[in-house]
C-alpha atoms as a PDB file:
ATOM      1  CA  MET A   1      14.590  -0.263 -22.553  1.00  0.00           C
ATOM      2  CA  SER A   2      17.116   0.314 -19.792  1.00  0.00           C
ATOM      3  CA  ASP A   3      19.356  -2.354 -18.297  1.00  0.00           C
ATOM      4  CA  VAL A   4      17.484  -2.053 -14.984  1.00  0.00           C
ATOM      5  CA  THR A   5      14.104  -2.596 -16.632  1.00  0.00           C
ATOM      6  CA  THR A   6      15.482  -5.605 -18.502  1.00  0.00           C
ATOM      7  CA  GLN A   7      16.924  -7.005 -15.261  1.00  0.00           C
ATOM      8  CA  ILE A   8      13.573  -6.547 -13.464  1.00  0.00           C
ATOM      9  CA  LYS A   9      11.623  -8.163 -16.327  1.00  0.00           C
ATOM     10  CA  ASP A  10      14.042 -11.090 -16.435  1.00  0.00           C
ATOM     11  CA  THR A  11      13.685 -11.589 -12.668  1.00  0.00           C
ATOM     12  CA  ILE A  12       9.881 -11.558 -12.613  1.00  0.00           C
ATOM     13  CA  THR A  13       9.511 -13.758 -15.696  1.00  0.00           C
ATOM     14  CA  SER A  14      12.072 -16.380 -14.645  1.00  0.00           C
ATOM     15  CA  ASN A  15      10.611 -16.853 -11.122  1.00  0.00           C
ATOM     16  CA  ASP A  16       7.016 -17.796 -10.282  1.00  0.00           C
ATOM     17  CA  VAL A  17       6.981 -15.594  -7.168  1.00  0.00           C
ATOM     18  CA  VAL A  18       9.264 -12.605  -6.574  1.00  0.00           C
ATOM     19  CA  LEU A  19       9.367 -10.197  -3.645  1.00  0.00           C
ATOM     20  CA  PHE A  20      11.221  -6.926  -4.140  1.00  0.00           C
ATOM     21  CA  MET A  21      11.961  -5.923  -0.566  1.00  0.00           C
ATOM     22  CA  LYS A  22      14.258  -4.071   1.795  1.00  0.00           C
ATOM     23  CA  GLY A  23      16.647  -6.752   3.022  1.00  0.00           C
ATOM     24  CA  THR A  24      16.323 -10.467   2.370  1.00  0.00           C
ATOM     25  CA  LYS A  25      13.737 -13.091   3.214  1.00  0.00           C
ATOM     26  CA  GLU A  26      16.094 -14.320   5.943  1.00  0.00           C
ATOM     27  CA  MET A  27      16.793 -10.814   7.257  1.00  0.00           C
ATOM     28  CA  PRO A  28      14.213  -8.173   6.280  1.00  0.00           C
ATOM     29  CA  GLN A  29      15.330  -4.578   6.844  1.00  0.00           C
ATOM     30  CA  CYS A  30      11.928  -2.942   7.380  1.00  0.00           C
ATOM     31  CA  GLY A  31       8.652  -3.854   9.020  1.00  0.00           C
ATOM     32  CA  PHE A  32       6.603  -3.899   5.822  1.00  0.00           C
ATOM     33  CA  SER A  33       9.079  -6.179   4.048  1.00  0.00           C
ATOM     34  CA  SER A  34       9.237  -8.331   7.172  1.00  0.00           C
ATOM     35  CA  ARG A  35       5.458  -8.741   7.220  1.00  0.00           C
ATOM     36  CA  VAL A  36       5.178  -9.870   3.593  1.00  0.00           C
ATOM     37  CA  ALA A  37       8.250 -12.132   3.791  1.00  0.00           C
ATOM     38  CA  GLY A  38       6.886 -13.548   7.040  1.00  0.00           C
ATOM     39  CA  VAL A  39       3.575 -14.441   5.400  1.00  0.00           C
ATOM     40  CA  LEU A  40       5.292 -16.085   2.425  1.00  0.00           C
ATOM     41  CA  ASN A  41       7.792 -17.913   4.633  1.00  0.00           C
ATOM     42  CA  TYR A  42       5.092 -19.127   7.035  1.00  0.00           C
ATOM     43  CA  MET A  43       2.944 -20.319   4.134  1.00  0.00           C
ATOM     44  CA  GLY A  44       5.913 -22.220   2.712  1.00  0.00           C
ATOM     45  CA  VAL A  45       5.924 -20.369  -0.603  1.00  0.00           C
ATOM     46  CA  THR A  46       9.073 -20.764  -2.691  1.00  0.00           C
ATOM     47  CA  TYR A  47      10.015 -17.289  -3.865  1.00  0.00           C
ATOM     48  CA  SER A  48      12.907 -15.199  -5.045  1.00  0.00           C
ATOM     49  CA  ASP A  49      13.786 -12.156  -2.970  1.00  0.00           C
ATOM     50  CA  VAL A  50      15.435  -9.040  -4.388  1.00  0.00           C
ATOM     51  CA  ASN A  51      17.070  -6.715  -1.868  1.00  0.00           C
ATOM     52  CA  VAL A  52      16.436  -3.206  -3.203  1.00  0.00           C
ATOM     53  CA  LEU A  53      18.835  -1.766  -0.615  1.00  0.00           C
ATOM     54  CA  ALA A  54      21.720  -3.503  -2.399  1.00  0.00           C
ATOM     55  CA  ASP A  55      21.172  -1.596  -5.662  1.00  0.00           C
ATOM     56  CA  GLN A  56      19.833   1.963  -5.849  1.00  0.00           C
ATOM     57  CA  ASN A  57      18.991   1.499  -9.543  1.00  0.00           C
ATOM     58  CA  ILE A  58      16.769  -1.498  -8.736  1.00  0.00           C
ATOM     59  CA  ARG A  59      15.259   0.345  -5.768  1.00  0.00           C
ATOM     60  CA  GLN A  60      14.058   3.179  -8.005  1.00  0.00           C
ATOM     61  CA  GLY A  61      13.630   0.992 -11.077  1.00  0.00           C
ATOM     62  CA  ILE A  62      11.040  -1.299  -9.503  1.00  0.00           C
ATOM     63  CA  LYS A  63       8.950   1.716  -8.448  1.00  0.00           C
ATOM     64  CA  ASP A  64       9.064   3.072 -12.000  1.00  0.00           C
ATOM     65  CA  PHE A  65       8.418  -0.370 -13.509  1.00  0.00           C
ATOM     66  CA  SER A  66       5.255  -1.014 -11.491  1.00  0.00           C
ATOM     67  CA  ASP A  67       4.214   2.625 -11.129  1.00  0.00           C
ATOM     68  CA  TRP A  68       3.904   1.810  -7.408  1.00  0.00           C
ATOM     69  CA  PRO A  69       5.686   4.178  -4.996  1.00  0.00           C
ATOM     70  CA  THR A  70       6.689   1.782  -2.221  1.00  0.00           C
ATOM     71  CA  VAL A  71       8.544  -1.446  -1.460  1.00  0.00           C
ATOM     72  CA  PRO A  72       7.881  -4.330  -0.820  1.00  0.00           C
ATOM     73  CA  GLN A  73       6.314  -5.388  -4.092  1.00  0.00           C
ATOM     74  CA  LEU A  74       5.082  -8.918  -4.768  1.00  0.00           C
ATOM     75  CA  TYR A  75       4.927 -10.452  -8.253  1.00  0.00           C
ATOM     76  CA  VAL A  76       3.258 -13.762  -9.074  1.00  0.00           C
ATOM     77  CA  LYS A  77       3.792 -15.298 -12.518  1.00  0.00           C
ATOM     78  CA  GLY A  78       5.103 -11.970 -13.844  1.00  0.00           C
ATOM     79  CA  GLU A  79       2.146  -9.924 -12.592  1.00  0.00           C
ATOM     80  CA  PHE A  80       2.367  -7.214  -9.945  1.00  0.00           C
ATOM     81  CA  VAL A  81       0.133  -8.142  -7.004  1.00  0.00           C
ATOM     82  CA  GLY A  82       0.743  -5.339  -4.514  1.00  0.00           C
ATOM     83  CA  GLY A  83       2.560  -4.097  -1.463  1.00  0.00           C
ATOM     84  CA  CYS A  84       2.300  -4.840   2.233  1.00  0.00           C
ATOM     85  CA  ASP A  85      -1.257  -3.609   2.872  1.00  0.00           C
ATOM     86  CA  ILE A  86      -2.660  -5.383  -0.184  1.00  0.00           C
ATOM     87  CA  ILE A  87      -0.851  -8.658   0.590  1.00  0.00           C
ATOM     88  CA  THR A  88      -2.008  -8.501   4.217  1.00  0.00           C
ATOM     89  CA  GLU A  89      -5.603  -7.899   3.116  1.00  0.00           C
ATOM     90  CA  MET A  90      -5.431 -10.678   0.504  1.00  0.00           C
ATOM     91  CA  THR A  91      -3.990 -13.109   3.059  1.00  0.00           C
ATOM     92  CA  LEU A  92      -6.761 -12.409   5.570  1.00  0.00           C
ATOM     93  CA  SER A  93      -9.545 -12.595   2.954  1.00  0.00           C
ATOM     94  CA  GLY A  94      -8.242 -15.786   1.340  1.00  0.00           C
ATOM     95  CA  GLU A  95      -7.621 -14.024  -1.982  1.00  0.00           C
ATOM     96  CA  LEU A  96      -3.896 -14.799  -1.786  1.00  0.00           C
ATOM     97  CA  ASP A  97      -4.719 -18.530  -1.508  1.00  0.00           C
ATOM     98  CA  THR A  98      -6.881 -18.239  -4.618  1.00  0.00           C
ATOM     99  CA  LEU A  99      -4.177 -16.351  -6.512  1.00  0.00           C
ATOM    100  CA  PHE A 100      -1.604 -19.023  -5.670  1.00  0.00           C
ATOM    101  CA  GLU A 101      -4.002 -21.844  -6.587  1.00  0.00           C
ATOM    102  CA  GLU A 102      -4.940 -20.244  -9.923  1.00  0.00           C
ATOM    103  CA  ASN A 103      -1.239 -19.829 -10.774  1.00  0.00           C
ATOM    104  CA  GLY A 104      -0.052 -23.243  -9.622  1.00  0.00           C
ATOM    105  CA  VAL A 105       2.026 -21.852  -6.755  1.00  0.00           C
ATOM    106  CA  THR A 106       2.509 -24.366  -3.944  1.00  0.00           C
ATOM    107  CA  TYR A 107       1.712 -23.136  -0.436  1.00  0.00           C
ATOM    108  CA  ASP A 108       0.638 -24.538   2.922  1.00  0.00           C
ATOM    109  CA  LYS A 109      -3.156 -24.116   3.158  1.00  0.00           C
ATOM    110  CA  ASP A 110      -3.134 -25.006   6.876  1.00  0.00           C
ATOM    111  CA  ALA A 111      -0.598 -22.241   7.555  1.00  0.00           C
ATOM    112  CA  ALA A 112      -2.743 -19.765   5.635  1.00  0.00           C
ATOM    113  CA  ASP A 113      -5.769 -20.806   7.696  1.00  0.00           C
ATOM    114  CA  LYS A 114      -3.758 -20.357  10.926  1.00  0.00           C
ATOM    115  CA  ILE A 115      -2.856 -16.794   9.897  1.00  0.00           C
ATOM    116  CA  ARG A 116      -6.546 -16.032   9.394  1.00  0.00           C
ATOM    117  CA  GLU A 117      -7.506 -17.685  12.704  1.00  0.00           C
ATOM    118  CA  ALA A 118      -4.884 -15.680  14.597  1.00  0.00           C
ATOM    119  CA  ASN A 119      -6.040 -12.421  13.010  1.00  0.00           C
ATOM    120  CA  GLY A 120      -9.788 -13.078  12.894  1.00  0.00           C
END
């Protein structure tokens, strides 16, 4: 196993929620990363962000690791959840709420409801 794969595994197993993204949760560097970080931030989810632009090996390594061609990528309790379109869809359907609840991840239910109201 490569050092990059080990680093990725360590990151996703030592944090309940991890977002591999372009930029940081405070300063996303692309629209898709901004959307997912915005949802998580608005919902008050505590998560670790990994800026793939800071390390080319991580940027490619996470795509190989998940067999998913794009970033951002969200992991909850060590499991790959999806990218921007999937997270957006799950947020609007309420599936993301369920995933967080089933995994003991704290989030603001009222904020999640407001996102759905605004996009309904």
